[in-house]
Amino acid sequence: GDPAELAAQYDREGGDELVFLDIT
């Protein structure tokens, strides 16, 4: 999926933090 859309979803759902890894 899209990182910004997933980030917003996890923020709404109550994630305590978020990790973004540019894996390559």
mmCIF file of all heavy atoms, coordinates in Angstrom:
data_MODEL
# 
_entry.id   MODEL 
# 
loop_
_atom_site.group_PDB 
_atom_site.id 
_atom_site.type_symbol 
_atom_site.label_atom_id 
_atom_site.label_alt_id 
_atom_site.label_comp_id 
_atom_site.label_asym_id 
_atom_site.label_entity_id 
_atom_site.label_seq_id 
_atom_site.pdbx_PDB_ins_code 
_atom_site.Cartn_x 
_atom_site.Cartn_y 
_atom_site.Cartn_z 
_atom_site.occupancy 
_atom_site.B_iso_or_equiv 
_atom_site.pdbx_formal_charge 
_atom_site.auth_seq_id 
_atom_site.auth_comp_id 
_atom_site.auth_asym_id 
_atom_site.auth_atom_id 
_atom_site.pdbx_PDB_model_num 
ATOM 1   N N   . GLY A 1 1  ? 0.786  -1.223 0.000  1.00 0.00 ? 1  GLY A N   1 
ATOM 2   C CA  . GLY A 1 1  ? 0.000  0.000  0.000  1.00 0.00 ? 1  GLY A CA  1 
ATOM 3   C C   . GLY A 1 1  ? 0.818  1.272  0.000  1.00 0.00 ? 1  GLY A C   1 
ATOM 4   O O   . GLY A 1 1  ? 2.047  1.261  -0.083 1.00 0.00 ? 1  GLY A O   1 
ATOM 5   N N   . ASP A 1 2  ? 0.108  2.404  0.098  1.00 0.00 ? 2  ASP A N   1 
ATOM 6   C CA  . ASP A 1 2  ? 0.714  3.729  0.114  1.00 0.00 ? 2  ASP A CA  1 
ATOM 7   C C   . ASP A 1 2  ? 1.165  4.069  1.531  1.00 0.00 ? 2  ASP A C   1 
ATOM 8   O O   . ASP A 1 2  ? 0.380  3.938  2.483  1.00 0.00 ? 2  ASP A O   1 
ATOM 9   C CB  . ASP A 1 2  ? -0.299 4.762  -0.375 1.00 0.00 ? 2  ASP A CB  1 
ATOM 10  C CG  . ASP A 1 2  ? 0.254  6.167  -0.313 1.00 0.00 ? 2  ASP A CG  1 
ATOM 11  O OD1 . ASP A 1 2  ? 1.037  6.534  -1.209 1.00 0.00 ? 2  ASP A OD1 1 
ATOM 12  O OD2 . ASP A 1 2  ? -0.081 6.883  0.652  1.00 0.00 ? 2  ASP A OD2 1 
ATOM 13  N N   . PRO A 1 3  ? 2.406  4.529  1.708  1.00 0.00 ? 3  PRO A N   1 
ATOM 14  C CA  . PRO A 1 3  ? 2.902  4.764  3.067  1.00 0.00 ? 3  PRO A CA  1 
ATOM 15  C C   . PRO A 1 3  ? 2.128  5.824  3.841  1.00 0.00 ? 3  PRO A C   1 
ATOM 16  O O   . PRO A 1 3  ? 1.869  5.649  5.037  1.00 0.00 ? 3  PRO A O   1 
ATOM 17  C CB  . PRO A 1 3  ? 4.371  5.187  2.853  1.00 0.00 ? 3  PRO A CB  1 
ATOM 18  C CG  . PRO A 1 3  ? 4.505  5.492  1.408  1.00 0.00 ? 3  PRO A CG  1 
ATOM 19  C CD  . PRO A 1 3  ? 3.471  4.703  0.704  1.00 0.00 ? 3  PRO A CD  1 
ATOM 20  N N   . ALA A 1 4  ? 1.753  6.925  3.179  1.00 0.00 ? 4  ALA A N   1 
ATOM 21  C CA  . ALA A 1 4  ? 1.021  7.974  3.890  1.00 0.00 ? 4  ALA A CA  1 
ATOM 22  C C   . ALA A 1 4  ? -0.359 7.491  4.316  1.00 0.00 ? 4  ALA A C   1 
ATOM 23  O O   . ALA A 1 4  ? -0.828 7.787  5.427  1.00 0.00 ? 4  ALA A O   1 
ATOM 24  C CB  . ALA A 1 4  ? 0.916  9.222  3.021  1.00 0.00 ? 4  ALA A CB  1 
ATOM 25  N N   . GLU A 1 5  ? -1.032 6.743  3.444  1.00 0.00 ? 5  GLU A N   1 
ATOM 26  C CA  . GLU A 1 5  ? -2.364 6.226  3.784  1.00 0.00 ? 5  GLU A CA  1 
ATOM 27  C C   . GLU A 1 5  ? -2.296 5.241  4.943  1.00 0.00 ? 5  GLU A C   1 
ATOM 28  O O   . GLU A 1 5  ? -3.127 5.280  5.864  1.00 0.00 ? 5  GLU A O   1 
ATOM 29  C CB  . GLU A 1 5  ? -2.989 5.562  2.555  1.00 0.00 ? 5  GLU A CB  1 
ATOM 30  C CG  . GLU A 1 5  ? -3.374 6.539  1.455  1.00 0.00 ? 5  GLU A CG  1 
ATOM 31  C CD  . GLU A 1 5  ? -3.906 5.835  0.217  1.00 0.00 ? 5  GLU A CD  1 
ATOM 32  O OE1 . GLU A 1 5  ? -4.044 4.588  0.248  1.00 0.00 ? 5  GLU A OE1 1 
ATOM 33  O OE2 . GLU A 1 5  ? -4.187 6.527  -0.779 1.00 0.00 ? 5  GLU A OE2 1 
ATOM 34  N N   . LEU A 1 6  ? -1.303 4.346  4.902  1.00 0.00 ? 6  LEU A N   1 
ATOM 35  C CA  . LEU A 1 6  ? -1.164 3.383  5.999  1.00 0.00 ? 6  LEU A CA  1 
ATOM 36  C C   . LEU A 1 6  ? -0.777 4.084  7.298  1.00 0.00 ? 6  LEU A C   1 
ATOM 37  O O   . LEU A 1 6  ? -1.268 3.732  8.376  1.00 0.00 ? 6  LEU A O   1 
ATOM 38  C CB  . LEU A 1 6  ? -0.120 2.323  5.643  1.00 0.00 ? 6  LEU A CB  1 
ATOM 39  C CG  . LEU A 1 6  ? -0.581 1.217  4.697  1.00 0.00 ? 6  LEU A CG  1 
ATOM 40  C CD1 . LEU A 1 6  ? 0.598  0.340  4.294  1.00 0.00 ? 6  LEU A CD1 1 
ATOM 41  C CD2 . LEU A 1 6  ? -1.669 0.371  5.332  1.00 0.00 ? 6  LEU A CD2 1 
ATOM 42  N N   . ALA A 1 7  ? 0.092  5.088  7.204  1.00 0.00 ? 7  ALA A N   1 
ATOM 43  C CA  . ALA A 1 7  ? 0.492  5.827  8.398  1.00 0.00 ? 7  ALA A CA  1 
ATOM 44  C C   . ALA A 1 7  ? -0.718 6.469  9.061  1.00 0.00 ? 7  ALA A C   1 
ATOM 45  O O   . ALA A 1 7  ? -0.883 6.399  10.289 1.00 0.00 ? 7  ALA A O   1 
ATOM 46  C CB  . ALA A 1 7  ? 1.527  6.889  8.030  1.00 0.00 ? 7  ALA A CB  1 
ATOM 47  N N   . ALA A 1 8  ? -1.573 7.104  8.256  1.00 0.00 ? 8  ALA A N   1 
ATOM 48  C CA  . ALA A 1 8  ? -2.769 7.744  8.803  1.00 0.00 ? 8  ALA A CA  1 
ATOM 49  C C   . ALA A 1 8  ? -3.688 6.713  9.462  1.00 0.00 ? 8  ALA A C   1 
ATOM 50  O O   . ALA A 1 8  ? -4.270 6.959  10.529 1.00 0.00 ? 8  ALA A O   1 
ATOM 51  C CB  . ALA A 1 8  ? -3.514 8.479  7.686  1.00 0.00 ? 8  ALA A CB  1 
ATOM 52  N N   . GLN A 1 9  ? -3.803 5.545  8.830  1.00 0.00 ? 9  GLN A N   1 
ATOM 53  C CA  . GLN A 1 9  ? -4.648 4.482  9.385  1.00 0.00 ? 9  GLN A CA  1 
ATOM 54  C C   . GLN A 1 9  ? -4.121 4.025  10.732 1.00 0.00 ? 9  GLN A C   1 
ATOM 55  O O   . GLN A 1 9  ? -4.883 3.894  11.709 1.00 0.00 ? 9  GLN A O   1 
ATOM 56  C CB  . GLN A 1 9  ? -4.681 3.300  8.422  1.00 0.00 ? 9  GLN A CB  1 
ATOM 57  C CG  . GLN A 1 9  ? -5.405 2.078  8.954  1.00 0.00 ? 9  GLN A CG  1 
ATOM 58  C CD  . GLN A 1 9  ? -5.277 0.884  8.019  1.00 0.00 ? 9  GLN A CD  1 
ATOM 59  O OE1 . GLN A 1 9  ? -5.219 1.042  6.800  1.00 0.00 ? 9  GLN A OE1 1 
ATOM 60  N NE2 . GLN A 1 9  ? -5.211 -0.307 8.590  1.00 0.00 ? 9  GLN A NE2 1 
ATOM 61  N N   . TYR A 1 10 ? -2.819 3.811  10.838 1.00 0.00 ? 10 TYR A N   1 
ATOM 62  C CA  . TYR A 1 10 ? -2.246 3.316  12.084 1.00 0.00 ? 10 TYR A CA  1 
ATOM 63  C C   . TYR A 1 10 ? -2.288 4.371  13.182 1.00 0.00 ? 10 TYR A C   1 
ATOM 64  O O   . TYR A 1 10 ? -2.402 4.043  14.367 1.00 0.00 ? 10 TYR A O   1 
ATOM 65  C CB  . TYR A 1 10 ? -0.823 2.823  11.856 1.00 0.00 ? 10 TYR A CB  1 
ATOM 66  C CG  . TYR A 1 10 ? -0.768 1.603  10.957 1.00 0.00 ? 10 TYR A CG  1 
ATOM 67  C CD1 . TYR A 1 10 ? 0.256  1.441  10.024 1.00 0.00 ? 10 TYR A CD1 1 
ATOM 68  C CD2 . TYR A 1 10 ? -1.748 0.618  11.029 1.00 0.00 ? 10 TYR A CD2 1 
ATOM 69  C CE1 . TYR A 1 10 ? 0.301  0.323  9.194  1.00 0.00 ? 10 TYR A CE1 1 
ATOM 70  C CE2 . TYR A 1 10 ? -1.716 -0.494 10.204 1.00 0.00 ? 10 TYR A CE2 1 
ATOM 71  C CZ  . TYR A 1 10 ? -0.693 -0.630 9.291  1.00 0.00 ? 10 TYR A CZ  1 
ATOM 72  O OH  . TYR A 1 10 ? -0.651 -1.733 8.473  1.00 0.00 ? 10 TYR A OH  1 
ATOM 73  N N   . ASP A 1 11 ? -2.198 5.623  12.798 1.00 0.00 ? 11 ASP A N   1 
ATOM 74  C CA  . ASP A 1 11 ? -2.342 6.695  13.777 1.00 0.00 ? 11 ASP A CA  1 
ATOM 75  C C   . ASP A 1 11 ? -3.761 6.692  14.337 1.00 0.00 ? 11 ASP A C   1 
ATOM 76  O O   . ASP A 1 11 ? -3.966 6.775  15.551 1.00 0.00 ? 11 ASP A O   1 
ATOM 77  C CB  . ASP A 1 11 ? -2.028 8.042  13.113 1.00 0.00 ? 11 ASP A CB  1 
ATOM 78  C CG  . ASP A 1 11 ? -2.073 9.194  14.095 1.00 0.00 ? 11 ASP A CG  1 
ATOM 79  O OD1 . ASP A 1 11 ? -1.074 9.412  14.793 1.00 0.00 ? 11 ASP A OD1 1 
ATOM 80  O OD2 . ASP A 1 11 ? -3.120 9.877  14.161 1.00 0.00 ? 11 ASP A OD2 1 
ATOM 81  N N   . ARG A 1 12 ? -4.756 6.558  13.451 1.00 0.00 ? 12 ARG A N   1 
ATOM 82  C CA  . ARG A 1 12 ? -6.160 6.512  13.896 1.00 0.00 ? 12 ARG A CA  1 
ATOM 83  C C   . ARG A 1 12 ? -6.438 5.310  14.776 1.00 0.00 ? 12 ARG A C   1 
ATOM 84  O O   . ARG A 1 12 ? -7.213 5.382  15.733 1.00 0.00 ? 12 ARG A O   1 
ATOM 85  C CB  . ARG A 1 12 ? -7.103 6.462  12.684 1.00 0.00 ? 12 ARG A CB  1 
ATOM 86  C CG  . ARG A 1 12 ? -7.211 7.739  11.882 1.00 0.00 ? 12 ARG A CG  1 
ATOM 87  C CD  . ARG A 1 12 ? -8.402 7.677  10.927 1.00 0.00 ? 12 ARG A CD  1 
ATOM 88  N NE  . ARG A 1 12 ? -8.336 6.515  10.033 1.00 0.00 ? 12 ARG A NE  1 
ATOM 89  C CZ  . ARG A 1 12 ? -7.748 6.518  8.842  1.00 0.00 ? 12 ARG A CZ  1 
ATOM 90  N NH1 . ARG A 1 12 ? -7.151 7.612  8.397  1.00 0.00 ? 12 ARG A NH1 1 
ATOM 91  N NH2 . ARG A 1 12 ? -7.746 5.423  8.081  1.00 0.00 ? 12 ARG A NH2 1 
ATOM 92  N N   . GLU A 1 13 ? -5.816 4.178  14.440 1.00 0.00 ? 13 GLU A N   1 
ATOM 93  C CA  . GLU A 1 13 ? -6.092 2.930  15.165 1.00 0.00 ? 13 GLU A CA  1 
ATOM 94  C C   . GLU A 1 13 ? -5.432 2.872  16.541 1.00 0.00 ? 13 GLU A C   1 
ATOM 95  O O   . GLU A 1 13 ? -5.722 1.971  17.322 1.00 0.00 ? 13 GLU A O   1 
ATOM 96  C CB  . GLU A 1 13 ? -5.627 1.733  14.338 1.00 0.00 ? 13 GLU A CB  1 
ATOM 97  C CG  . GLU A 1 13 ? -6.490 1.442  13.120 1.00 0.00 ? 13 GLU A CG  1 
ATOM 98  C CD  . GLU A 1 13 ? -6.065 0.167  12.408 1.00 0.00 ? 13 GLU A CD  1 
ATOM 99  O OE1 . GLU A 1 13 ? -5.088 -0.475 12.867 1.00 0.00 ? 13 GLU A OE1 1 
ATOM 100 O OE2 . GLU A 1 13 ? -6.697 -0.185 11.406 1.00 0.00 ? 13 GLU A OE2 1 
ATOM 101 N N   . GLY A 1 14 ? -4.532 3.797  16.828 1.00 0.00 ? 14 GLY A N   1 
ATOM 102 C CA  . GLY A 1 14 ? -3.931 3.822  18.150 1.00 0.00 ? 14 GLY A CA  1 
ATOM 103 C C   . GLY A 1 14 ? -2.530 3.259  18.254 1.00 0.00 ? 14 GLY A C   1 
ATOM 104 O O   . GLY A 1 14 ? -2.101 2.874  19.348 1.00 0.00 ? 14 GLY A O   1 
ATOM 105 N N   . GLY A 1 15 ? -1.803 3.209  17.141 1.00 0.00 ? 15 GLY A N   1 
ATOM 106 C CA  . GLY A 1 15 ? -0.409 2.804  17.210 1.00 0.00 ? 15 GLY A CA  1 
ATOM 107 C C   . GLY A 1 15 ? 0.360  3.720  18.151 1.00 0.00 ? 15 GLY A C   1 
ATOM 108 O O   . GLY A 1 15 ? 0.109  4.928  18.190 1.00 0.00 ? 15 GLY A O   1 
ATOM 109 N N   . ASP A 1 16 ? 1.262  3.162  18.924 1.00 0.00 ? 16 ASP A N   1 
ATOM 110 C CA  . ASP A 1 16 ? 2.018  3.971  19.887 1.00 0.00 ? 16 ASP A CA  1 
ATOM 111 C C   . ASP A 1 16 ? 3.126  4.755  19.202 1.00 0.00 ? 16 ASP A C   1 
ATOM 112 O O   . ASP A 1 16 ? 3.463  5.871  19.618 1.00 0.00 ? 16 ASP A O   1 
ATOM 113 C CB  . ASP A 1 16 ? 2.621  3.075  20.976 1.00 0.00 ? 16 ASP A CB  1 
ATOM 114 C CG  . ASP A 1 16 ? 1.543  2.435  21.824 1.00 0.00 ? 16 ASP A CG  1 
ATOM 115 O OD1 . ASP A 1 16 ? 0.736  3.177  22.403 1.00 0.00 ? 16 ASP A OD1 1 
ATOM 116 O OD2 . ASP A 1 16 ? 1.497  1.196  21.886 1.00 0.00 ? 16 ASP A OD2 1 
ATOM 117 N N   . GLU A 1 17 ? 3.702  4.176  18.183 1.00 0.00 ? 17 GLU A N   1 
ATOM 118 C CA  . GLU A 1 17 ? 4.736  4.817  17.387 1.00 0.00 ? 17 GLU A CA  1 
ATOM 119 C C   . GLU A 1 17 ? 4.627  4.258  15.973 1.00 0.00 ? 17 GLU A C   1 
ATOM 120 O O   . GLU A 1 17 ? 3.843  3.339  15.705 1.00 0.00 ? 17 GLU A O   1 
ATOM 121 C CB  . GLU A 1 17 ? 6.146  4.543  17.957 1.00 0.00 ? 17 GLU A CB  1 
ATOM 122 C CG  . GLU A 1 17 ? 6.377  5.093  19.347 1.00 0.00 ? 17 GLU A CG  1 
ATOM 123 C CD  . GLU A 1 17 ? 7.828  4.956  19.806 1.00 0.00 ? 17 GLU A CD  1 
ATOM 124 O OE1 . GLU A 1 17 ? 8.724  4.799  18.943 1.00 0.00 ? 17 GLU A OE1 1 
ATOM 125 O OE2 . GLU A 1 17 ? 8.060  5.014  21.017 1.00 0.00 ? 17 GLU A OE2 1 
ATOM 126 N N   . LEU A 1 18 ? 5.447  4.796  15.074 1.00 0.00 ? 18 LEU A N   1 
ATOM 127 C CA  . LEU A 1 18 ? 5.498  4.305  13.708 1.00 0.00 ? 18 LEU A CA  1 
ATOM 128 C C   . LEU A 1 18 ? 6.957  4.282  13.269 1.00 0.00 ? 18 LEU A C   1 
ATOM 129 O O   . LEU A 1 18 ? 7.708  5.214  13.551 1.00 0.00 ? 18 LEU A O   1 
ATOM 130 C CB  . LEU A 1 18 ? 4.689  5.222  12.783 1.00 0.00 ? 18 LEU A CB  1 
ATOM 131 C CG  . LEU A 1 18 ? 4.486  4.750  11.344 1.00 0.00 ? 18 LEU A CG  1 
ATOM 132 C CD1 . LEU A 1 18 ? 3.564  3.532  11.293 1.00 0.00 ? 18 LEU A CD1 1 
ATOM 133 C CD2 . LEU A 1 18 ? 3.896  5.877  10.495 1.00 0.00 ? 18 LEU A CD2 1 
ATOM 134 N N   . VAL A 1 19 ? 7.345  3.200  12.596 1.00 0.00 ? 19 VAL A N   1 
ATOM 135 C CA  . VAL A 1 19 ? 8.696  3.097  12.041 1.00 0.00 ? 19 VAL A CA  1 
ATOM 136 C C   . VAL A 1 19 ? 8.606  3.070  10.524 1.00 0.00 ? 19 VAL A C   1 
ATOM 137 O O   . VAL A 1 19 ? 7.847  2.287  9.952  1.00 0.00 ? 19 VAL A O   1 
ATOM 138 C CB  . VAL A 1 19 ? 9.429  1.838  12.561 1.00 0.00 ? 19 VAL A CB  1 
ATOM 139 C CG1 . VAL A 1 19 ? 10.714 1.597  11.780 1.00 0.00 ? 19 VAL A CG1 1 
ATOM 140 C CG2 . VAL A 1 19 ? 9.748  1.986  14.043 1.00 0.00 ? 19 VAL A CG2 1 
ATOM 141 N N   . PHE A 1 20 ? 9.379  3.943  9.888  1.00 0.00 ? 20 PHE A N   1 
ATOM 142 C CA  . PHE A 1 20 ? 9.454  4.040  8.430  1.00 0.00 ? 20 PHE A CA  1 
ATOM 143 C C   . PHE A 1 20 ? 10.872 3.646  8.032  1.00 0.00 ? 20 PHE A C   1 
ATOM 144 O O   . PHE A 1 20 ? 11.839 4.293  8.438  1.00 0.00 ? 20 PHE A O   1 
ATOM 145 C CB  . PHE A 1 20 ? 9.166  5.484  8.003  1.00 0.00 ? 20 PHE A CB  1 
ATOM 146 C CG  . PHE A 1 20 ? 9.386  5.771  6.534  1.00 0.00 ? 20 PHE A CG  1 
ATOM 147 C CD1 . PHE A 1 20 ? 8.308  5.933  5.671  1.00 0.00 ? 20 PHE A CD1 1 
ATOM 148 C CD2 . PHE A 1 20 ? 10.661 5.920  6.012  1.00 0.00 ? 20 PHE A CD2 1 
ATOM 149 C CE1 . PHE A 1 20 ? 8.513  6.225  4.326  1.00 0.00 ? 20 PHE A CE1 1 
ATOM 150 C CE2 . PHE A 1 20 ? 10.872 6.216  4.672  1.00 0.00 ? 20 PHE A CE2 1 
ATOM 151 C CZ  . PHE A 1 20 ? 9.793  6.363  3.826  1.00 0.00 ? 20 PHE A CZ  1 
ATOM 152 N N   . LEU A 1 21 ? 11.014 2.578  7.245  1.00 0.00 ? 21 LEU A N   1 
ATOM 153 C CA  . LEU A 1 21 ? 12.336 2.112  6.823  1.00 0.00 ? 21 LEU A CA  1 
ATOM 154 C C   . LEU A 1 21 ? 12.418 2.080  5.304  1.00 0.00 ? 21 LEU A C   1 
ATOM 155 O O   . LEU A 1 21 ? 11.678 1.344  4.653  1.00 0.00 ? 21 LEU A O   1 
ATOM 156 C CB  . LEU A 1 21 ? 12.619 0.706  7.391  1.00 0.00 ? 21 LEU A CB  1 
ATOM 157 C CG  . LEU A 1 21 ? 12.629 0.576  8.920  1.00 0.00 ? 21 LEU A CG  1 
ATOM 158 C CD1 . LEU A 1 21 ? 12.834 -0.871 9.321  1.00 0.00 ? 21 LEU A CD1 1 
ATOM 159 C CD2 . LEU A 1 21 ? 13.706 1.463  9.536  1.00 0.00 ? 21 LEU A CD2 1 
ATOM 160 N N   . ASP A 1 22 ? 13.316 2.890  4.759  1.00 0.00 ? 22 ASP A N   1 
ATOM 161 C CA  . ASP A 1 22 ? 13.597 2.870  3.317  1.00 0.00 ? 22 ASP A CA  1 
ATOM 162 C C   . ASP A 1 22 ? 14.571 1.711  3.110  1.00 0.00 ? 22 ASP A C   1 
ATOM 163 O O   . ASP A 1 22 ? 15.780 1.856  3.249  1.00 0.00 ? 22 ASP A O   1 
ATOM 164 C CB  . ASP A 1 22 ? 14.209 4.202  2.903  1.00 0.00 ? 22 ASP A CB  1 
ATOM 165 C CG  . ASP A 1 22 ? 14.373 4.333  1.401  1.00 0.00 ? 22 ASP A CG  1 
ATOM 166 O OD1 . ASP A 1 22 ? 14.377 3.296  0.709  1.00 0.00 ? 22 ASP A OD1 1 
ATOM 167 O OD2 . ASP A 1 22 ? 14.530 5.465  0.919  1.00 0.00 ? 22 ASP A OD2 1 
ATOM 168 N N   . ILE A 1 23 ? 14.046 0.540  2.776  1.00 0.00 ? 23 ILE A N   1 
ATOM 169 C CA  . ILE A 1 23 ? 14.817 -0.696 2.903  1.00 0.00 ? 23 ILE A CA  1 
ATOM 170 C C   . ILE A 1 23 ? 15.872 -0.907 1.827  1.00 0.00 ? 23 ILE A C   1 
ATOM 171 O O   . ILE A 1 23 ? 16.718 -1.796 1.967  1.00 0.00 ? 23 ILE A O   1 
ATOM 172 C CB  . ILE A 1 23 ? 13.888 -1.932 2.960  1.00 0.00 ? 23 ILE A CB  1 
ATOM 173 C CG1 . ILE A 1 23 ? 13.060 -2.049 1.676  1.00 0.00 ? 23 ILE A CG1 1 
ATOM 174 C CG2 . ILE A 1 23 ? 13.001 -1.865 4.188  1.00 0.00 ? 23 ILE A CG2 1 
ATOM 175 C CD1 . ILE A 1 23 ? 12.280 -3.338 1.583  1.00 0.00 ? 23 ILE A CD1 1 
ATOM 176 N N   . THR A 1 24 ? 15.845 -0.113 0.755  1.00 0.00 ? 24 THR A N   1 
ATOM 177 C CA  . THR A 1 24 ? 16.868 -0.293 -0.282 1.00 0.00 ? 24 THR A CA  1 
ATOM 178 C C   . THR A 1 24 ? 17.787 0.911  -0.400 1.00 0.00 ? 24 THR A C   1 
ATOM 179 O O   . THR A 1 24 ? 18.641 0.945  -1.284 1.00 0.00 ? 24 THR A O   1 
ATOM 180 C CB  . THR A 1 24 ? 16.217 -0.572 -1.647 1.00 0.00 ? 24 THR A CB  1 
ATOM 181 O OG1 . THR A 1 24 ? 15.277 0.468  -1.947 1.00 0.00 ? 24 THR A OG1 1 
ATOM 182 C CG2 . THR A 1 24 ? 15.511 -1.914 -1.654 1.00 0.00 ? 24 THR A CG2 1 
# 
